[in-house]
Protein backbone atom coordinates (compact mmCIF):
# COMPACT_ATOMS: atom_id res chain seq x y z
CA UNK A 1 200.66 43.21 -160.81
CA UNK A 2 201.45 44.19 -157.24
CA UNK A 3 199.71 41.19 -155.68
CA UNK A 4 201.16 38.87 -158.30
CA UNK A 5 204.65 40.04 -157.35
CA UNK A 6 204.02 39.46 -153.65
CA UNK A 7 202.48 36.08 -154.30
CA UNK A 8 205.49 35.12 -156.37
CA UNK A 9 207.91 36.27 -153.68
CA UNK A 10 206.17 34.26 -150.99
CA UNK A 11 205.12 31.24 -153.08
CA UNK A 12 201.46 32.06 -152.67
CA UNK A 13 199.01 29.17 -152.49
CA UNK A 14 195.25 29.15 -153.07
CA UNK A 15 193.15 29.53 -149.96
CA UNK A 16 189.59 30.35 -151.03
CA UNK A 17 187.33 31.61 -153.80
CA UNK A 18 183.60 32.03 -154.33
CA UNK A 19 181.72 28.88 -155.33
CA UNK A 20 178.95 30.92 -156.98
CA UNK A 21 180.50 34.22 -158.05
CA UNK A 22 177.40 35.03 -160.12
CA UNK A 23 175.62 35.92 -156.90
CA UNK A 24 177.87 38.97 -156.59
CA UNK A 25 179.06 39.77 -160.12
CA UNK A 26 176.95 40.64 -163.16
CA UNK A 27 178.36 38.55 -166.01
CA UNK A 28 176.68 40.79 -168.58
CA UNK A 29 179.05 43.51 -167.33
CA UNK A 30 182.00 41.33 -166.31
CA UNK A 31 182.02 39.03 -169.31
CA UNK A 32 183.41 35.48 -168.92
CA UNK A 33 186.62 34.83 -170.87
CA UNK A 34 186.58 31.78 -173.14
CA UNK A 35 189.74 29.94 -174.18
CA UNK A 36 190.35 26.79 -176.19
CA UNK A 37 188.19 25.34 -178.94
CA UNK A 38 185.32 22.91 -179.27
CA UNK A 39 184.84 20.48 -176.41
CA UNK A 40 188.07 21.70 -174.80
CA UNK A 41 186.73 25.22 -174.25
CA UNK A 42 187.30 26.69 -170.81
CA UNK A 43 185.66 29.69 -169.19
CA UNK A 44 187.16 32.09 -166.67
CA UNK A 45 184.70 34.04 -164.52
CA UNK A 46 185.22 37.14 -162.43
CA UNK A 47 185.75 35.93 -158.89
CA UNK A 48 187.10 36.89 -155.49
CA UNK A 49 190.32 34.97 -154.93
CA UNK A 50 192.25 34.57 -151.68
CA UNK A 51 195.79 33.22 -151.45
CA UNK A 52 198.36 33.05 -148.66
CA UNK A 53 202.13 33.24 -148.34
CA UNK A 54 204.42 32.26 -145.47
CA UNK A 55 207.65 33.81 -144.24
CA UNK A 56 210.44 32.15 -142.31
CA UNK A 57 210.58 35.18 -140.04
CA UNK A 58 207.90 37.75 -139.36
CA UNK A 59 204.20 37.66 -140.11
CA UNK A 60 202.56 35.58 -142.82
CA UNK A 61 200.34 37.15 -145.48
CA UNK A 62 196.83 36.67 -146.82
CA UNK A 63 196.37 38.23 -150.26
CA UNK A 64 192.88 39.33 -151.30
CA UNK A 65 191.86 39.87 -154.92
CA UNK A 66 188.48 41.49 -154.48
CA UNK A 67 186.68 42.84 -157.55
CA UNK A 68 183.98 45.31 -156.60
CA UNK A 69 180.65 43.45 -156.41
CA UNK A 70 177.67 44.34 -158.59
CA UNK A 71 175.14 42.93 -156.09
CA UNK A 72 174.80 41.85 -152.44
CA UNK A 73 177.69 44.08 -151.41
CA UNK A 74 176.89 43.85 -147.69
CA UNK A 75 177.06 40.05 -147.73
CA UNK A 76 180.26 40.20 -149.77
CA UNK A 77 181.93 42.55 -147.27
CA UNK A 78 180.72 40.59 -144.24
CA UNK A 79 182.05 37.35 -145.74
CA UNK A 80 185.51 38.83 -146.25
CA UNK A 81 185.58 40.18 -142.70
CA UNK A 82 184.54 36.79 -141.30
CA UNK A 83 187.31 35.11 -143.28
CA UNK A 84 189.92 37.50 -141.88
CA UNK A 85 188.58 37.05 -138.35
CA UNK A 86 188.79 33.27 -138.73
CA UNK A 87 192.50 33.45 -139.53
CA UNK A 88 193.25 35.94 -136.77
CA UNK A 89 194.46 38.73 -139.03
CA UNK A 90 196.32 41.42 -137.07
CA UNK A 91 196.58 44.09 -139.78
CA UNK A 92 194.58 44.90 -142.90
CA UNK A 93 195.99 46.96 -145.75
CA UNK A 94 194.34 48.34 -148.88
CA UNK A 95 196.70 48.87 -151.83
CA UNK A 96 195.58 50.54 -155.02
CA UNK A 97 196.24 53.02 -157.80
CA UNK A 98 194.39 55.90 -159.45
CA UNK A 99 195.00 58.09 -162.47
CA UNK A 100 195.72 61.64 -161.46
CA UNK A 101 196.92 64.97 -162.89
CA UNK A 102 200.51 64.21 -161.92
CA UNK A 103 203.74 65.28 -163.65
CA UNK A 104 205.82 62.46 -165.11
CA UNK A 105 208.93 64.40 -164.03
CA UNK A 106 208.36 63.76 -160.31
CA UNK A 107 208.46 60.59 -158.19
CA UNK A 108 205.05 58.95 -158.03
CA UNK A 109 202.90 60.31 -155.24
CA UNK A 110 201.39 57.83 -152.78
CA UNK A 111 198.61 58.90 -150.45
CA UNK A 112 197.23 56.92 -147.55
CA UNK A 113 196.35 56.75 -143.89
CA UNK A 114 196.69 54.44 -140.90
CA UNK A 115 194.69 53.59 -137.81
CA UNK A 116 197.39 54.45 -135.27
CA UNK A 117 200.29 56.84 -134.96
CA UNK A 118 202.99 54.18 -135.07
CA UNK A 119 201.72 52.79 -138.35
CA UNK A 120 201.23 56.31 -139.67
CA UNK A 121 204.87 57.06 -138.86
CA UNK A 122 205.91 53.99 -140.85
CA UNK A 123 203.94 55.28 -143.82
CA UNK A 124 205.63 58.65 -143.47
CA UNK A 125 209.03 56.97 -143.60
CA UNK A 126 207.90 55.39 -146.88
CA UNK A 127 207.03 58.91 -148.16
CA UNK A 128 203.29 58.32 -148.09
CA UNK A 129 201.35 61.60 -147.96
CA UNK A 130 198.40 61.73 -145.60
CA UNK A 131 195.12 61.54 -147.50
CA UNK A 132 192.14 63.73 -146.60
CA UNK A 133 190.04 62.71 -149.59
CA UNK A 134 186.26 63.04 -149.32
CA UNK A 135 183.92 61.85 -152.06
CA UNK A 136 182.89 58.73 -154.00
CA UNK A 137 184.90 55.63 -153.16
CA UNK A 138 184.85 51.86 -153.48
CA UNK A 139 182.51 49.76 -151.36
CA UNK A 140 185.61 47.77 -150.38
CA UNK A 141 186.56 50.62 -148.05
CA UNK A 142 183.96 49.16 -145.69
CA UNK A 143 186.26 46.20 -145.04
CA UNK A 144 188.85 48.45 -143.45
CA UNK A 145 186.15 50.27 -141.50
CA UNK A 146 184.79 47.03 -140.04
CA UNK A 147 188.26 45.71 -139.27
CA UNK A 148 188.98 48.94 -137.41
CA UNK A 149 185.83 48.46 -135.34
CA UNK A 150 187.16 45.02 -134.39
CA UNK A 151 190.35 46.60 -133.05
CA UNK A 152 192.51 45.48 -135.98
CA UNK A 153 195.17 47.83 -137.36
CA UNK A 154 194.42 49.17 -140.84
CA UNK A 155 196.23 51.22 -143.45
CA UNK A 156 195.82 52.29 -147.06
CA UNK A 157 198.32 53.24 -149.75
CA UNK A 158 197.23 54.48 -153.18
CA UNK A 159 199.75 55.40 -155.87
CA UNK A 160 198.85 58.29 -158.20
CA UNK A 161 199.72 57.58 -161.84
CA UNK A 162 199.86 60.21 -164.60
CA UNK A 163 196.53 59.91 -166.40
CA UNK A 164 198.06 60.73 -169.78
CA UNK A 165 200.50 57.81 -169.56
CA UNK A 166 198.57 54.58 -169.19
CA UNK A 167 200.66 51.60 -170.29
CA UNK A 168 199.25 48.10 -169.97
CA UNK A 169 201.62 47.45 -167.06
CA UNK A 170 202.83 50.41 -165.03
CA UNK A 171 206.04 49.11 -163.47
CA UNK A 172 206.73 52.46 -161.84
CA UNK A 173 203.52 52.17 -159.84
CA UNK A 174 204.34 48.60 -158.88
CA UNK A 175 207.81 49.61 -157.75
CA UNK A 176 206.49 52.52 -155.68
CA UNK A 177 203.96 50.35 -153.84
CA UNK A 178 206.62 47.71 -153.28
CA UNK A 179 208.71 50.41 -151.59
CA UNK A 180 205.81 51.16 -149.23
CA UNK A 181 205.15 47.51 -148.41
CA UNK A 182 208.87 46.96 -148.00
CA UNK A 183 209.08 49.77 -145.45
CA UNK A 184 206.15 48.38 -143.48
CA UNK A 185 207.32 44.77 -143.40
CA UNK A 186 211.09 45.04 -143.80
CA UNK A 187 211.07 43.54 -147.29
CA UNK A 188 213.55 44.25 -150.08
CA UNK A 189 212.20 45.60 -153.36
CA UNK A 190 212.96 43.03 -156.11
CA UNK A 191 215.74 44.26 -158.36
CA UNK A 192 213.72 43.25 -161.41
CA UNK A 193 210.95 45.62 -160.34
CA UNK A 194 213.42 48.46 -159.81
CA UNK A 195 215.01 47.95 -163.23
CA UNK A 196 211.68 47.73 -165.05
CA UNK A 197 210.48 50.91 -163.36
CA UNK A 198 213.67 52.75 -164.29
CA UNK A 199 213.47 51.61 -167.90
CA UNK A 200 209.82 52.62 -168.17
CA UNK A 201 210.52 56.05 -166.70
CA UNK A 202 213.26 56.59 -169.27
CA UNK A 203 210.86 55.63 -172.06
CA UNK A 204 208.19 57.99 -170.75
CA UNK A 205 210.66 60.84 -170.40
CA UNK A 206 211.97 60.37 -173.95
CA UNK A 207 208.48 60.22 -175.46
CA UNK A 208 207.28 63.23 -173.47
CA UNK A 209 210.36 65.28 -174.39
CA UNK A 210 209.83 64.58 -178.09
CA UNK A 211 206.21 65.66 -177.78
CA UNK A 212 207.13 68.85 -175.91
CA UNK A 213 209.71 69.73 -178.53
CA UNK A 214 206.92 69.70 -181.09
CA UNK A 215 204.70 71.86 -178.87
CA UNK A 216 207.02 73.91 -176.63
CA UNK A 217 204.19 76.11 -175.34
CA UNK A 218 203.04 73.14 -173.27
CA UNK A 219 206.14 73.32 -171.06
CA UNK A 220 204.48 76.07 -169.04
CA UNK A 221 201.58 73.75 -168.37
CA UNK A 222 203.95 70.98 -167.30
CA UNK A 223 205.50 73.51 -164.91
CA UNK A 224 202.08 74.10 -163.39
CA UNK A 225 201.64 70.36 -162.88
CA UNK A 226 205.03 70.26 -161.17
CA UNK A 227 204.10 73.21 -158.94
CA UNK A 228 200.86 71.46 -158.04
CA UNK A 229 202.76 68.31 -157.11
CA UNK A 230 205.32 70.21 -155.03
CA UNK A 231 202.59 72.06 -153.14
CA UNK A 232 200.75 68.81 -152.52
CA UNK A 233 203.84 67.27 -151.00
CA UNK A 234 204.57 70.34 -148.92
CA UNK A 235 201.08 70.88 -147.60
CA UNK A 236 200.24 67.15 -147.34
CA UNK A 237 196.62 67.94 -147.95
CA UNK A 238 195.32 69.61 -151.06
CA UNK A 239 196.75 70.70 -154.35
CA UNK A 240 196.38 73.80 -156.48
CA UNK A 241 193.43 74.11 -158.82
CA UNK A 242 194.47 73.29 -162.37
CA UNK A 243 193.54 75.63 -165.19
CA UNK A 244 191.47 74.52 -168.21
CA UNK A 245 194.66 74.81 -170.31
CA UNK A 246 196.35 72.14 -168.19
CA UNK A 247 193.31 69.90 -168.49
CA UNK A 248 193.58 70.24 -172.27
CA UNK A 249 197.32 69.54 -172.06
CA UNK A 250 196.59 66.22 -170.34
CA UNK A 251 194.09 65.28 -173.02
CA UNK A 252 196.60 66.06 -175.78
CA UNK A 253 199.31 64.00 -174.11
CA UNK A 254 196.90 61.13 -173.63
CA UNK A 255 196.17 61.16 -177.34
CA UNK A 256 199.85 61.22 -178.23
CA UNK A 257 200.77 58.30 -175.99
CA UNK A 258 197.73 56.36 -177.13
CA UNK A 259 198.99 56.58 -180.70
CA UNK A 260 202.56 55.65 -179.76
């Protein structure tokens, strides 16, 4: 959704895609999508897609849709880096989202980092909390690492979405990332995105309040989630360990919203 919004804003045009995506993606895991009937049937395959958008003032953009490869990851990464070098890219940014144990009653948390202090300050202005995560990650992180070795500025911004609220389209997450990108590149957040995010938050709040009225004992667990969030913002590093009761609370909420 986020890239689609940016492409729409800047009239994105196709730039490149893989000719043989099957060399990188396992189509028994990433099944092709068939549409149409009979001889008119069409097939859509998982692919890496690159588009670009121009601005009248300021830098232009290259947008990368990069599914994680199932094979030949090193070649995949090197090809992307060569493409960006060819077009003289000056800054590389990784935008993403993850499900987290976050309270729906707080603004969405965004964590990230930057390759220099000036860019890090810009992220701080956008209320991005410094990330010190260590553990399993996507192979696509290697793109940023290689760009950094080439002397190119890099940054990352990942929005944390409540894991027990997983709508098909999370407009709140889109709006929050648009705020970050807007702060970095002096771009306004589309009013449509703001309104959709506000409406979705109201729907979430109403549904959650109805659920908590039925099970008021869970309010204490929500309070612990809120305390965890507040401490995370304050410390800018690590949160408070969540009790097994809170873990169960998240599972119950997930079930309720899945039925709704």
